[in-house]
C-alpha atoms as a PDB file:
ATOM      1  CA  UNK A   1    -118.050 119.450-142.925  1.00  0.00           C
ATOM      2  CA  UNK A   2    -116.790 120.717-139.547  1.00  0.00           C
ATOM      3  CA  UNK A   3    -120.039 119.586-137.938  1.00  0.00           C
ATOM      4  CA  UNK A   4    -119.865 116.103-139.482  1.00  0.00           C
ATOM      5  CA  UNK A   5    -116.279 115.518-138.259  1.00  0.00           C
ATOM      6  CA  UNK A   6    -117.094 116.900-134.786  1.00  0.00           C
ATOM      7  CA  UNK A   7    -120.242 114.792-134.518  1.00  0.00           C
ATOM      8  CA  UNK A   8    -118.410 111.590-135.320  1.00  0.00           C
ATOM      9  CA  UNK A   9    -115.457 112.358-133.071  1.00  0.00           C
ATOM     10  CA  UNK A  10    -117.631 113.359-130.113  1.00  0.00           C
ATOM     11  CA  UNK A  11    -119.480 110.041-130.285  1.00  0.00           C
ATOM     12  CA  UNK A  12    -116.237 108.079-130.441  1.00  0.00           C
ATOM     13  CA  UNK A  13    -114.413 109.981-127.679  1.00  0.00           C
ATOM     14  CA  UNK A  14    -114.604 109.265-123.961  1.00  0.00           C
ATOM     15  CA  UNK A  15    -114.028 112.972-123.378  1.00  0.00           C
ATOM     16  CA  UNK A  16    -116.308 114.701-125.916  1.00  0.00           C
ATOM     17  CA  UNK A  17    -115.664 118.081-124.371  1.00  0.00           C
ATOM     18  CA  UNK A  18    -112.055 117.978-125.586  1.00  0.00           C
ATOM     19  CA  UNK A  19    -113.027 117.457-129.272  1.00  0.00           C
ATOM     20  CA  UNK A  20    -112.397 120.446-131.463  1.00  0.00           C
ATOM     21  CA  UNK A  21    -112.305 120.836-135.272  1.00  0.00           C
ATOM     22  CA  UNK A  22    -110.491 123.617-137.083  1.00  0.00           C
ATOM     23  CA  UNK A  23    -110.586 124.251-140.836  1.00  0.00           C
ATOM     24  CA  UNK A  24    -107.397 125.534-142.523  1.00  0.00           C
ATOM     25  CA  UNK A  25    -108.085 126.553-146.131  1.00  0.00           C
ATOM     26  CA  UNK A  26    -105.275 126.215-148.580  1.00  0.00           C
ATOM     27  CA  UNK A  27    -105.232 126.696-152.410  1.00  0.00           C
ATOM     28  CA  UNK A  28    -107.462 123.852-153.670  1.00  0.00           C
ATOM     29  CA  UNK A  29    -107.351 121.981-150.406  1.00  0.00           C
ATOM     30  CA  UNK A  30    -109.241 122.148-147.089  1.00  0.00           C
ATOM     31  CA  UNK A  31    -107.306 120.796-144.121  1.00  0.00           C
ATOM     32  CA  UNK A  32    -109.478 119.842-141.182  1.00  0.00           C
ATOM     33  CA  UNK A  33    -107.550 119.530-137.927  1.00  0.00           C
ATOM     34  CA  UNK A  34    -109.286 117.329-135.389  1.00  0.00           C
ATOM     35  CA  UNK A  35    -108.048 117.850-131.846  1.00  0.00           C
ATOM     36  CA  UNK A  36    -108.917 115.151-129.264  1.00  0.00           C
ATOM     37  CA  UNK A  37    -107.784 114.268-125.744  1.00  0.00           C
ATOM     38  CA  UNK A  38    -104.614 112.162-125.585  1.00  0.00           C
ATOM     39  CA  UNK A  39    -106.590 109.180-124.238  1.00  0.00           C
ATOM     40  CA  UNK A  40    -108.936 109.321-127.200  1.00  0.00           C
ATOM     41  CA  UNK A  41    -106.366 109.207-129.986  1.00  0.00           C
ATOM     42  CA  UNK A  42    -106.555 105.389-130.245  1.00  0.00           C
ATOM     43  CA  UNK A  43    -110.337 105.388-130.320  1.00  0.00           C
ATOM     44  CA  UNK A  44    -110.505 108.061-133.064  1.00  0.00           C
ATOM     45  CA  UNK A  45    -107.726 106.530-135.189  1.00  0.00           C
ATOM     46  CA  UNK A  46    -108.762 102.886-134.644  1.00  0.00           C
ATOM     47  CA  UNK A  47    -106.871  99.707-135.174  1.00  0.00           C
ATOM     48  CA  UNK A  48    -104.598 100.026-138.175  1.00  0.00           C
ATOM     49  CA  UNK A  49    -106.202 103.423-138.852  1.00  0.00           C
ATOM     50  CA  UNK A  50    -109.563 101.932-139.835  1.00  0.00           C
ATOM     51  CA  UNK A  51    -111.723 104.511-138.050  1.00  0.00           C
ATOM     52  CA  UNK A  52    -109.669 107.400-139.397  1.00  0.00           C
ATOM     53  CA  UNK A  53    -109.913 105.946-142.912  1.00  0.00           C
ATOM     54  CA  UNK A  54    -113.668 105.623-142.534  1.00  0.00           C
ATOM     55  CA  UNK A  55    -113.978 109.232-141.449  1.00  0.00           C
ATOM     56  CA  UNK A  56    -111.872 110.333-144.409  1.00  0.00           C
ATOM     57  CA  UNK A  57    -114.105 108.256-146.753  1.00  0.00           C
ATOM     58  CA  UNK A  58    -117.235 109.999-145.345  1.00  0.00           C
ATOM     59  CA  UNK A  59    -115.517 113.400-145.888  1.00  0.00           C
ATOM     60  CA  UNK A  60    -114.955 112.532-149.550  1.00  0.00           C
ATOM     61  CA  UNK A  61    -118.556 111.317-149.951  1.00  0.00           C
ATOM     62  CA  UNK A  62    -120.192 114.252-148.241  1.00  0.00           C
ATOM     63  CA  UNK A  63    -121.261 117.007-150.655  1.00  0.00           C
ATOM     64  CA  UNK A  64    -119.334 120.108-149.692  1.00  0.00           C
ATOM     65  CA  UNK A  65    -119.922 122.116-152.850  1.00  0.00           C
ATOM     66  CA  UNK A  66    -116.539 123.753-152.690  1.00  0.00           C
ATOM     67  CA  UNK A  67    -114.795 121.674-155.330  1.00  0.00           C
ATOM     68  CA  UNK A  68    -111.882 121.235-152.956  1.00  0.00           C
ATOM     69  CA  UNK A  69    -109.982 118.213-151.762  1.00  0.00           C
ATOM     70  CA  UNK A  70    -110.313 117.475-148.033  1.00  0.00           C
ATOM     71  CA  UNK A  71    -107.632 116.273-145.720  1.00  0.00           C
ATOM     72  CA  UNK A  72    -108.080 115.154-142.087  1.00  0.00           C
ATOM     73  CA  UNK A  73    -105.298 115.738-139.602  1.00  0.00           C
ATOM     74  CA  UNK A  74    -105.809 114.229-136.137  1.00  0.00           C
ATOM     75  CA  UNK A  75    -103.852 115.722-133.258  1.00  0.00           C
ATOM     76  CA  UNK A  76    -103.714 115.506-129.459  1.00  0.00           C
ATOM     77  CA  UNK A  77    -105.207 118.462-127.676  1.00  0.00           C
ATOM     78  CA  UNK A  78    -102.843 119.773-125.020  1.00  0.00           C
END
């Protein structure tokens, strides 16, 4: 799942070197933190959050085999 999120974000970002994905496991939940350059936040989130919503939909559709819910948290990388 990390690779899928990173692949999508790197292709959307103007600074692909700043893209980083971190997985934070919680009880029945996997939180994926996506860090991007401040200038790429708009590109990764999209108008009215459409791109972020599409990434989240792909995360739900991708077979992860863990039986866990997935959450995507997009943050600026400092």
